[in-house]
Amino acid sequence: MEELREIYSDRGSVRFQPHVTLIAGIKEDPGKSEQESRSEIWSKFLETLEDWRGSRTDQEEPTQPQEGVDPSKIVCRLTDVTTRGFFFQCILISIETQPDLISLNSKMRQAFSSRLASRTQAESPYFPHCSLLYSDIDSSEAERAIRIMESNHVFKRIEPDGDVDLIDFSGITSFEFQAVELWDSNGPVEDWKLLERIDL
């Protein structure tokens, strides 16, 4: 990732912590202080997380885990390196739409539906991914960079699992989600701040 960012440093590329976004664009309450609004958001988040945990426990048919994976954990396999053609999803690793992760996103969207910054964020299908590069390069340049990464064996395609395409990215084939964090992502990326964190 650092090599990519160096190559495109003159095209708006910036450093950021690798992450998979669960939900974005939650607006603070303009009628409350910054601290009060953030505290309210975090309390709602914790309440929704607890509700999701309960729904996992209550499932009559729990999600079938991958072989050798602790069923209490969320583990998602890597499916592709691709581009979505805009700054925050310039080059990314897409991950499988694992049911527990999708249900957690769904509950968060419901809980914060009135506070999302746009209808697009509220209504667009969830696309779980880990961005590798933020940049304003166009899609054709991003696709070229991805082809070079593949030819240099940064990642390789491996045998799919049914209709799920899979990749190995520098020896990594899946992500295990261990915690959820709340970030203040107002302003430039380099000014983003970690506010809260809780283990899953």
Protein backbone atom coordinates (compact mmCIF):
# COMPACT_ATOMS: atom_id res chain seq x y z
CA MET A 1 0.00 0.00 0.00
CA GLU A 2 2.82 2.39 0.83
CA GLU A 3 4.35 1.86 -2.62
CA LEU A 4 1.02 2.71 -4.25
CA ARG A 5 0.68 5.86 -2.18
CA GLU A 6 4.22 6.95 -3.05
CA ILE A 7 3.62 6.40 -6.77
CA TYR A 8 0.46 8.51 -6.71
CA SER A 9 1.54 11.04 -4.09
CA ASP A 10 1.15 13.84 -6.65
CA ARG A 11 -2.43 12.71 -7.39
CA GLY A 12 -3.95 13.35 -4.00
CA SER A 13 -2.89 10.07 -2.38
CA VAL A 14 -2.79 10.22 1.43
CA ARG A 15 -1.91 7.81 4.24
CA PHE A 16 -4.75 6.28 6.27
CA GLN A 17 -5.34 3.37 8.63
CA PRO A 18 -6.51 0.20 6.82
CA HIS A 19 -10.13 -0.46 7.72
CA VAL A 20 -13.47 -1.79 6.52
CA THR A 21 -16.20 0.85 6.82
CA LEU A 22 -19.35 -0.41 8.54
CA ILE A 23 -21.41 2.76 8.12
CA ALA A 24 -20.46 6.28 7.05
CA GLY A 25 -21.97 9.75 6.94
CA ILE A 26 -23.62 9.91 10.37
CA LYS A 27 -24.39 13.57 11.05
CA GLU A 28 -23.94 15.22 14.42
CA ASP A 29 -26.94 16.98 15.98
CA PRO A 30 -26.53 20.71 15.19
CA GLY A 31 -28.63 21.58 18.25
CA LYS A 32 -26.18 19.95 20.65
CA SER A 33 -22.53 20.45 21.52
CA GLU A 34 -19.98 18.34 19.66
CA GLN A 35 -19.32 16.25 22.76
CA GLU A 36 -23.02 15.70 23.51
CA SER A 37 -23.76 14.71 19.93
CA ARG A 38 -20.86 12.27 19.73
CA SER A 39 -21.82 10.73 23.07
CA GLU A 40 -25.37 10.26 21.80
CA ILE A 41 -24.12 8.62 18.60
CA TRP A 42 -21.86 6.25 20.53
CA SER A 43 -24.64 5.30 22.95
CA LYS A 44 -26.97 4.51 20.05
CA PHE A 45 -24.18 2.55 18.43
CA LEU A 46 -23.57 0.44 21.55
CA GLU A 47 -27.30 -0.19 21.93
CA THR A 48 -27.54 -1.33 18.30
CA LEU A 49 -24.45 -3.51 18.62
CA GLU A 50 -25.95 -5.22 21.67
CA ASP A 51 -29.19 -5.80 19.76
CA TRP A 52 -27.21 -7.36 16.90
CA ARG A 53 -25.31 -9.61 19.31
CA GLY A 54 -28.64 -10.79 20.71
CA SER A 55 -30.01 -11.50 17.25
CA ARG A 56 -26.97 -13.66 16.48
CA THR A 57 -27.55 -15.66 19.66
CA ASP A 58 -31.26 -16.07 18.89
CA GLN A 59 -30.82 -17.35 15.33
CA GLU A 60 -32.51 -20.71 14.88
CA GLU A 61 -30.00 -21.55 12.15
CA PRO A 62 -26.71 -19.77 12.89
CA THR A 63 -24.53 -18.68 9.99
CA GLN A 64 -22.38 -21.59 8.88
CA PRO A 65 -18.75 -20.66 9.60
CA GLN A 66 -15.85 -21.55 7.38
CA GLU A 67 -14.09 -24.75 8.37
CA GLY A 68 -11.80 -24.14 11.35
CA VAL A 69 -13.25 -20.68 12.09
CA ASP A 70 -14.70 -19.75 15.50
CA PRO A 71 -18.45 -19.16 14.81
CA SER A 72 -18.49 -16.29 17.31
CA LYS A 73 -16.17 -14.27 15.06
CA ILE A 74 -16.83 -12.46 11.80
CA VAL A 75 -14.37 -13.71 9.21
CA CYS A 76 -14.68 -12.58 5.58
CA ARG A 77 -12.67 -13.85 2.66
CA LEU A 78 -11.04 -11.54 0.12
CA THR A 79 -12.70 -11.65 -3.29
CA ASP A 80 -10.96 -9.18 -5.62
CA VAL A 81 -8.72 -6.16 -6.09
CA THR A 82 -10.71 -3.59 -8.04
CA THR A 83 -11.65 0.06 -8.46
CA ARG A 84 -14.95 1.87 -8.03
CA GLY A 85 -13.70 4.92 -9.89
CA PHE A 86 -13.71 7.60 -7.18
CA PHE A 87 -11.31 9.00 -4.58
CA PHE A 88 -12.22 6.93 -1.50
CA GLN A 89 -12.59 3.68 -3.48
CA CYS A 90 -9.82 4.21 -5.99
CA ILE A 91 -8.08 0.84 -5.50
CA LEU A 92 -9.50 -1.58 -2.95
CA ILE A 93 -9.87 -5.16 -1.81
CA SER A 94 -13.48 -6.30 -1.96
CA ILE A 95 -14.56 -8.84 0.64
CA GLU A 96 -17.36 -11.37 0.67
CA THR A 97 -20.79 -10.32 1.86
CA GLN A 98 -20.74 -12.48 4.98
CA PRO A 99 -24.26 -12.62 6.53
CA ASP A 100 -23.27 -11.47 10.04
CA LEU A 101 -21.46 -8.43 8.66
CA ILE A 102 -24.39 -7.57 6.39
CA SER A 103 -26.87 -7.88 9.25
CA LEU A 104 -24.73 -5.62 11.47
CA ASN A 105 -24.61 -2.99 8.72
CA SER A 106 -28.37 -3.30 8.24
CA LYS A 107 -29.09 -2.74 11.94
CA MET A 108 -26.78 0.28 12.00
CA ARG A 109 -28.49 1.79 8.96
CA GLN A 110 -31.87 1.34 10.60
CA ALA A 111 -30.65 2.88 13.86
CA PHE A 112 -29.11 5.92 12.16
CA SER A 113 -31.47 6.28 9.20
CA SER A 114 -32.51 9.81 10.19
CA ARG A 115 -28.91 10.96 10.65
CA LEU A 116 -27.24 9.75 7.47
CA ALA A 117 -25.85 12.56 5.35
CA SER A 118 -27.54 11.47 2.12
CA ARG A 119 -30.23 9.16 0.76
CA THR A 120 -27.52 7.42 -1.28
CA GLN A 121 -25.77 6.34 1.92
CA ALA A 122 -29.07 5.16 3.35
CA GLU A 123 -30.24 3.23 0.29
CA SER A 124 -27.14 1.99 -1.57
CA PRO A 125 -26.33 -1.71 -1.09
CA TYR A 126 -23.54 -2.28 1.40
CA PHE A 127 -20.20 -2.86 -0.31
CA PRO A 128 -17.70 -4.20 2.25
CA HIS A 129 -14.13 -3.46 1.23
CA CYS A 130 -10.70 -2.39 2.43
CA SER A 131 -9.29 0.55 0.47
CA LEU A 132 -5.64 0.36 -0.57
CA LEU A 133 -5.40 3.77 -2.21
CA TYR A 134 -7.25 7.06 -1.96
CA SER A 135 -6.48 9.06 -5.11
CA ASP A 136 -8.09 11.06 -7.89
CA ILE A 137 -6.59 8.93 -10.69
CA ASP A 138 -9.20 7.79 -13.20
CA SER A 139 -10.55 4.26 -13.57
CA SER A 140 -8.30 3.30 -16.48
CA GLU A 141 -5.17 4.28 -14.53
CA ALA A 142 -6.43 2.42 -11.46
CA GLU A 143 -7.12 -0.70 -13.55
CA ARG A 144 -3.61 -0.46 -15.01
CA ALA A 145 -2.13 -0.29 -11.50
CA ILE A 146 -4.17 -3.34 -10.48
CA ARG A 147 -2.90 -5.33 -13.48
CA ILE A 148 0.68 -4.44 -12.52
CA MET A 149 0.02 -5.54 -8.93
CA GLU A 150 -1.27 -8.89 -10.17
CA SER A 151 1.62 -9.41 -12.59
CA ASN A 152 4.05 -8.61 -9.75
CA HIS A 153 2.31 -11.25 -7.58
CA VAL A 154 1.08 -8.77 -4.98
CA PHE A 155 -2.14 -10.75 -5.20
CA LYS A 156 -3.29 -13.84 -7.06
CA ARG A 157 -6.63 -15.37 -7.85
CA ILE A 158 -7.27 -18.70 -6.17
CA GLU A 159 -9.88 -21.40 -6.64
CA PRO A 160 -13.36 -19.95 -6.14
CA ASP A 161 -15.80 -21.36 -3.61
CA GLY A 162 -18.90 -22.00 -5.69
CA ASP A 163 -19.88 -18.62 -7.12
CA VAL A 164 -17.62 -16.66 -4.72
CA ASP A 165 -14.39 -15.47 -6.37
CA LEU A 166 -11.40 -15.52 -4.02
CA ILE A 167 -7.91 -14.01 -3.91
CA ASP A 168 -4.71 -14.32 -1.92
CA PHE A 169 -3.30 -10.85 -1.16
CA SER A 170 0.36 -11.18 -0.14
CA GLY A 171 -0.48 -14.33 1.84
CA ILE A 172 -3.73 -12.98 3.31
CA THR A 173 -6.96 -14.68 2.24
CA SER A 174 -9.43 -13.37 4.86
CA PHE A 175 -10.02 -10.64 7.43
CA GLU A 176 -11.16 -11.36 10.98
CA PHE A 177 -13.10 -8.48 12.52
CA GLN A 178 -12.17 -7.99 16.16
CA ALA A 179 -13.44 -4.51 17.02
CA VAL A 180 -15.60 -1.60 15.86
CA GLU A 181 -14.34 1.97 16.02
CA LEU A 182 -16.00 5.38 15.78
CA TRP A 183 -14.01 7.94 13.81
CA ASP A 184 -14.44 11.66 13.23
CA SER A 185 -13.89 11.84 9.48
CA ASN A 186 -14.65 15.52 9.06
CA GLY A 187 -12.05 17.47 7.10
CA PRO A 188 -8.93 16.14 5.33
CA VAL A 189 -8.08 12.44 5.74
CA GLU A 190 -4.92 13.25 7.68
CA ASP A 191 -7.08 15.01 10.30
CA TRP A 192 -9.41 12.05 10.94
CA LYS A 193 -9.54 11.08 14.62
CA LEU A 194 -10.34 7.86 16.48
CA LEU A 195 -13.04 8.61 19.07
CA GLU A 196 -14.19 5.27 20.46
CA ARG A 197 -13.49 1.53 20.14
CA ILE A 198 -15.20 -1.63 21.35
CA ASP A 199 -14.38 -5.31 20.80
CA LEU A 200 -16.92 -7.33 18.86
